[in-house]
Amino acid sequence: MDEELWSVKVVRIKTGLSRASVYKYMALGLLPRQRHLGPGRVAWRASDVRAWIESRPE
């Protein structure tokens, strides 16, 4: 079964973070790392981002 992948746009919508915050959180180790799909293309595993969202305090 293929893993669902999310673009930065989808990650932004799901997390409520700005594009800059997505990359800042990732650099600080606060958000799961992206996967490189090819030149200029990256994505996040949906399951990783969902788990991160669920682990955050409300």
PDB file of N, CA and C in Angstrom:
ATOM      1  N   MET A   1       0.852  -1.188   0.000  1.00  0.00           N
ATOM      2  CA  MET A   1       0.000   0.000   0.000  1.00  0.00           C
ATOM      3  C   MET A   1       0.890   1.241   0.000  1.00  0.00           C
ATOM      4  N   ASP A   2       0.585   2.179  -0.862  1.00  0.00           N
ATOM      5  CA  ASP A   2       1.366   3.408  -0.946  1.00  0.00           C
ATOM      6  C   ASP A   2       1.000   4.352   0.186  1.00  0.00           C
ATOM      7  N   GLU A   3       2.010   5.028   0.698  1.00  0.00           N
ATOM      8  CA  GLU A   3       1.827   6.006   1.768  1.00  0.00           C
ATOM      9  C   GLU A   3       1.291   7.305   1.167  1.00  0.00           C
ATOM     10  N   GLU A   4       0.298   7.887   1.821  1.00  0.00           N
ATOM     11  CA  GLU A   4      -0.236   9.173   1.377  1.00  0.00           C
ATOM     12  C   GLU A   4       0.793  10.258   1.673  1.00  0.00           C
ATOM     13  N   LEU A   5       1.059  11.104   0.686  1.00  0.00           N
ATOM     14  CA  LEU A   5       2.023  12.193   0.830  1.00  0.00           C
ATOM     15  C   LEU A   5       1.311  13.531   0.705  1.00  0.00           C
ATOM     16  N   TRP A   6       1.759  14.499   1.513  1.00  0.00           N
ATOM     17  CA  TRP A   6       1.170  15.832   1.492  1.00  0.00           C
ATOM     18  C   TRP A   6       2.194  16.857   1.051  1.00  0.00           C
ATOM     19  N   SER A   7       1.777  17.763   0.198  1.00  0.00           N
ATOM     20  CA  SER A   7       2.614  18.895  -0.210  1.00  0.00           C
ATOM     21  C   SER A   7       2.680  19.906   0.926  1.00  0.00           C
ATOM     22  N   VAL A   8       3.567  20.875   0.792  1.00  0.00           N
ATOM     23  CA  VAL A   8       3.660  21.920   1.816  1.00  0.00           C
ATOM     24  C   VAL A   8       2.333  22.671   1.928  1.00  0.00           C
ATOM     25  N   LYS A   9       1.627  22.820   0.824  1.00  0.00           N
ATOM     26  CA  LYS A   9       0.330  23.504   0.856  1.00  0.00           C
ATOM     27  C   LYS A   9      -0.654  22.751   1.753  1.00  0.00           C
ATOM     28  N   VAL A  10      -0.714  21.448   1.613  1.00  0.00           N
ATOM     29  CA  VAL A  10      -1.624  20.641   2.431  1.00  0.00           C
ATOM     30  C   VAL A  10      -1.174  20.656   3.892  1.00  0.00           C
ATOM     31  N   VAL A  11       0.133  20.546   4.127  1.00  0.00           N
ATOM     32  CA  VAL A  11       0.648  20.600   5.504  1.00  0.00           C
ATOM     33  C   VAL A  11       0.257  21.926   6.145  1.00  0.00           C
ATOM     34  N   ARG A  12       0.374  23.017   5.407  1.00  0.00           N
ATOM     35  CA  ARG A  12      -0.019  24.334   5.928  1.00  0.00           C
ATOM     36  C   ARG A  12      -1.492  24.355   6.306  1.00  0.00           C
ATOM     37  N   ILE A  13      -2.337  23.838   5.452  1.00  0.00           N
ATOM     38  CA  ILE A  13      -3.779  23.832   5.715  1.00  0.00           C
ATOM     39  C   ILE A  13      -4.096  22.968   6.938  1.00  0.00           C
ATOM     40  N   LYS A  14      -3.522  21.775   6.995  1.00  0.00           N
ATOM     41  CA  LYS A  14      -3.819  20.838   8.085  1.00  0.00           C
ATOM     42  C   LYS A  14      -3.290  21.314   9.432  1.00  0.00           C
ATOM     43  N   THR A  15      -2.135  22.008   9.433  1.00  0.00           N
ATOM     44  CA  THR A  15      -1.520  22.431  10.694  1.00  0.00           C
ATOM     45  C   THR A  15      -1.882  23.852  11.094  1.00  0.00           C
ATOM     46  N   GLY A  16      -2.309  24.658  10.129  1.00  0.00           N
ATOM     47  CA  GLY A  16      -2.582  26.062  10.415  1.00  0.00           C
ATOM     48  C   GLY A  16      -1.319  26.910  10.489  1.00  0.00           C
ATOM     49  N   LEU A  17      -0.192  26.354  10.052  1.00  0.00           N
ATOM     50  CA  LEU A  17       1.074  27.077  10.079  1.00  0.00           C
ATOM     51  C   LEU A  17       1.325  27.785   8.753  1.00  0.00           C
ATOM     52  N   SER A  18       2.102  28.850   8.806  1.00  0.00           N
ATOM     53  CA  SER A  18       2.537  29.503   7.575  1.00  0.00           C
ATOM     54  C   SER A  18       3.630  28.650   6.933  1.00  0.00           C
ATOM     55  N   ARG A  19       3.931  28.930   5.681  1.00  0.00           N
ATOM     56  CA  ARG A  19       5.002  28.206   4.988  1.00  0.00           C
ATOM     57  C   ARG A  19       6.324  28.360   5.745  1.00  0.00           C
ATOM     58  N   ALA A  20       6.628  29.586   6.162  1.00  0.00           N
ATOM     59  CA  ALA A  20       7.875  29.838   6.894  1.00  0.00           C
ATOM     60  C   ALA A  20       7.908  29.051   8.201  1.00  0.00           C
ATOM     61  N   SER A  21       6.777  28.985   8.895  1.00  0.00           N
ATOM     62  CA  SER A  21       6.722  28.249  10.165  1.00  0.00           C
ATOM     63  C   SER A  21       6.892  26.751   9.956  1.00  0.00           C
ATOM     64  N   VAL A  22       6.355  26.218   8.878  1.00  0.00           N
ATOM     65  CA  VAL A  22       6.530  24.793   8.579  1.00  0.00           C
ATOM     66  C   VAL A  22       8.022  24.480   8.510  1.00  0.00           C
ATOM     67  N   TYR A  23       8.767  25.271   7.749  1.00  0.00           N
ATOM     68  CA  TYR A  23      10.198  25.016   7.588  1.00  0.00           C
ATOM     69  C   TYR A  23      10.980  25.337   8.858  1.00  0.00           C
ATOM     70  N   LYS A  24      10.556  26.352   9.603  1.00  0.00           N
ATOM     71  CA  LYS A  24      11.219  26.684  10.868  1.00  0.00           C
ATOM     72  C   LYS A  24      11.027  25.550  11.873  1.00  0.00           C
ATOM     73  N   TYR A  25       9.794  25.076  12.032  1.00  0.00           N
ATOM     74  CA  TYR A  25       9.508  23.979  12.960  1.00  0.00           C
ATOM     75  C   TYR A  25      10.297  22.727  12.565  1.00  0.00           C
ATOM     76  N   MET A  26      10.384  22.470  11.270  1.00  0.00           N
ATOM     77  CA  MET A  26      11.116  21.307  10.797  1.00  0.00           C
ATOM     78  C   MET A  26      12.605  21.451  11.139  1.00  0.00           C
ATOM     79  N   ALA A  27      13.172  22.626  10.921  1.00  0.00           N
ATOM     80  CA  ALA A  27      14.588  22.867  11.221  1.00  0.00           C
ATOM     81  C   ALA A  27      14.881  22.711  12.709  1.00  0.00           C
ATOM     82  N   LEU A  28      13.902  23.053  13.541  1.00  0.00           N
ATOM     83  CA  LEU A  28      14.063  22.940  14.992  1.00  0.00           C
ATOM     84  C   LEU A  28      13.749  21.536  15.515  1.00  0.00           C
ATOM     85  N   GLY A  29      13.342  20.642  14.617  1.00  0.00           N
ATOM     86  CA  GLY A  29      13.005  19.282  15.023  1.00  0.00           C
ATOM     87  C   GLY A  29      11.629  19.163  15.646  1.00  0.00           C
ATOM     88  N   LEU A  30      10.793  20.175  15.444  1.00  0.00           N
ATOM     89  CA  LEU A  30       9.454  20.179  16.034  1.00  0.00           C
ATOM     90  C   LEU A  30       8.387  19.611  15.100  1.00  0.00           C
ATOM     91  N   LEU A  31       8.715  19.464  13.841  1.00  0.00           N
ATOM     92  CA  LEU A  31       7.779  18.952  12.836  1.00  0.00           C
ATOM     93  C   LEU A  31       8.510  17.849  12.075  1.00  0.00           C
ATOM     94  N   PRO A  32       7.806  16.790  11.679  1.00  0.00           N
ATOM     95  CA  PRO A  32       8.478  15.722  10.929  1.00  0.00           C
ATOM     96  C   PRO A  32       9.181  16.256   9.682  1.00  0.00           C
ATOM     97  N   ARG A  33      10.252  15.592   9.302  1.00  0.00           N
ATOM     98  CA  ARG A  33      11.030  15.987   8.127  1.00  0.00           C
ATOM     99  C   ARG A  33      10.287  15.632   6.850  1.00  0.00           C
ATOM    100  N   GLN A  34      10.555  16.401   5.842  1.00  0.00           N
ATOM    101  CA  GLN A  34       9.980  16.159   4.524  1.00  0.00           C
ATOM    102  C   GLN A  34      10.724  15.037   3.819  1.00  0.00           C
ATOM    103  N   ARG A  35      10.132  14.517   2.781  1.00  0.00           N
ATOM    104  CA  ARG A  35      10.759  13.518   1.916  1.00  0.00           C
ATOM    105  C   ARG A  35      11.041  14.189   0.577  1.00  0.00           C
ATOM    106  N   HIS A  36      12.208  13.942   0.019  1.00  0.00           N
ATOM    107  CA  HIS A  36      12.551  14.498  -1.293  1.00  0.00           C
ATOM    108  C   HIS A  36      12.050  13.545  -2.371  1.00  0.00           C
ATOM    109  N   LEU A  37      11.215  14.069  -3.257  1.00  0.00           N
ATOM    110  CA  LEU A  37      10.619  13.248  -4.308  1.00  0.00           C
ATOM    111  C   LEU A  37      11.355  13.380  -5.631  1.00  0.00           C
ATOM    112  N   GLY A  38      12.106  14.443  -5.774  1.00  0.00           N
ATOM    113  CA  GLY A  38      12.832  14.710  -7.007  1.00  0.00           C
ATOM    114  C   GLY A  38      13.268  16.157  -7.008  1.00  0.00           C
ATOM    115  N   PRO A  39      13.849  16.608  -8.088  1.00  0.00           N
ATOM    116  CA  PRO A  39      14.306  17.999  -8.149  1.00  0.00           C
ATOM    117  C   PRO A  39      13.168  18.989  -7.877  1.00  0.00           C
ATOM    118  N   GLY A  40      13.312  19.742  -6.811  1.00  0.00           N
ATOM    119  CA  GLY A  40      12.319  20.765  -6.490  1.00  0.00           C
ATOM    120  C   GLY A  40      10.999  20.244  -5.952  1.00  0.00           C
ATOM    121  N   ARG A  41      10.928  18.947  -5.636  1.00  0.00           N
ATOM    122  CA  ARG A  41       9.670  18.375  -5.123  1.00  0.00           C
ATOM    123  C   ARG A  41       9.905  17.697  -3.792  1.00  0.00           C
ATOM    124  N   VAL A  42       9.116  18.112  -2.812  1.00  0.00           N
ATOM    125  CA  VAL A  42       9.175  17.500  -1.484  1.00  0.00           C
ATOM    126  C   VAL A  42       7.752  17.237  -1.007  1.00  0.00           C
ATOM    127  N   ALA A  43       7.640  16.331  -0.049  1.00  0.00           N
ATOM    128  CA  ALA A  43       6.331  16.035   0.534  1.00  0.00           C
ATOM    129  C   ALA A  43       6.549  15.443   1.917  1.00  0.00           C
ATOM    130  N   TRP A  44       5.505  15.469   2.699  1.00  0.00           N
ATOM    131  CA  TRP A  44       5.516  14.889   4.043  1.00  0.00           C
ATOM    132  C   TRP A  44       4.611  13.676   4.043  1.00  0.00           C
ATOM    133  N   ARG A  45       4.981  12.656   4.815  1.00  0.00           N
ATOM    134  CA  ARG A  45       4.082  11.518   4.981  1.00  0.00           C
ATOM    135  C   ARG A  45       2.894  11.994   5.803  1.00  0.00           C
ATOM    136  N   ALA A  46       1.708  11.765   5.296  1.00  0.00           N
ATOM    137  CA  ALA A  46       0.486  12.213   5.965  1.00  0.00           C
ATOM    138  C   ALA A  46       0.393  11.637   7.371  1.00  0.00           C
ATOM    139  N   SER A  47       0.774  10.383   7.539  1.00  0.00           N
ATOM    140  CA  SER A  47       0.685   9.754   8.864  1.00  0.00           C
ATOM    141  C   SER A  47       1.599  10.447   9.871  1.00  0.00           C
ATOM    142  N   ASP A  48       2.775  10.902   9.434  1.00  0.00           N
ATOM    143  CA  ASP A  48       3.697  11.621  10.326  1.00  0.00           C
ATOM    144  C   ASP A  48       3.098  12.947  10.773  1.00  0.00           C
ATOM    145  N   VAL A  49       2.506  13.671   9.833  1.00  0.00           N
ATOM    146  CA  VAL A  49       1.934  14.981  10.163  1.00  0.00           C
ATOM    147  C   VAL A  49       0.690  14.810  11.034  1.00  0.00           C
ATOM    148  N   ARG A  50      -0.138  13.822  10.733  1.00  0.00           N
ATOM    149  CA  ARG A  50      -1.322  13.566  11.571  1.00  0.00           C
ATOM    150  C   ARG A  50      -0.916  13.250  13.008  1.00  0.00           C
ATOM    151  N   ALA A  51       0.097  12.408  13.166  1.00  0.00           N
ATOM    152  CA  ALA A  51       0.578  12.057  14.510  1.00  0.00           C
ATOM    153  C   ALA A  51       1.104  13.296  15.227  1.00  0.00           C
ATOM    154  N   TRP A  52       1.805  14.152  14.506  1.00  0.00           N
ATOM    155  CA  TRP A  52       2.329  15.389  15.097  1.00  0.00           C
ATOM    156  C   TRP A  52       1.178  16.282  15.554  1.00  0.00           C
ATOM    157  N   ILE A  53       0.152  16.426  14.721  1.00  0.00           N
ATOM    158  CA  ILE A  53      -1.009  17.256  15.064  1.00  0.00           C
ATOM    159  C   ILE A  53      -1.686  16.708  16.322  1.00  0.00           C
ATOM    160  N   GLU A  54      -1.877  15.399  16.378  1.00  0.00           N
ATOM    161  CA  GLU A  54      -2.552  14.778  17.523  1.00  0.00           C
ATOM    162  C   GLU A  54      -1.739  14.871  18.809  1.00  0.00           C
ATOM    163  N   SER A  55      -0.427  14.996  18.699  1.00  0.00           N
ATOM    164  CA  SER A  55       0.432  15.065  19.884  1.00  0.00           C
ATOM    165  C   SER A  55       0.526  16.467  20.479  1.00  0.00           C
ATOM    166  N   ARG A  56       0.061  17.458  19.740  1.00  0.00           N
ATOM    167  CA  ARG A  56       0.167  18.840  20.203  1.00  0.00           C
ATOM    168  C   ARG A  56      -0.907  19.148  21.236  1.00  0.00           C
ATOM    169  N   PRO A  57      -0.549  19.932  22.261  1.00  0.00           N
ATOM    170  CA  PRO A  57      -1.570  20.345  23.233  1.00  0.00           C
ATOM    171  C   PRO A  57      -2.598  21.259  22.570  1.00  0.00           C
ATOM    172  N   GLU A  58      -3.807  21.188  23.029  1.00  0.00           N
ATOM    173  CA  GLU A  58      -4.878  22.002  22.427  1.00  0.00           C
ATOM    174  C   GLU A  58      -4.903  23.396  22.959  1.00  0.00           C
TER     175      GLU A  58
END
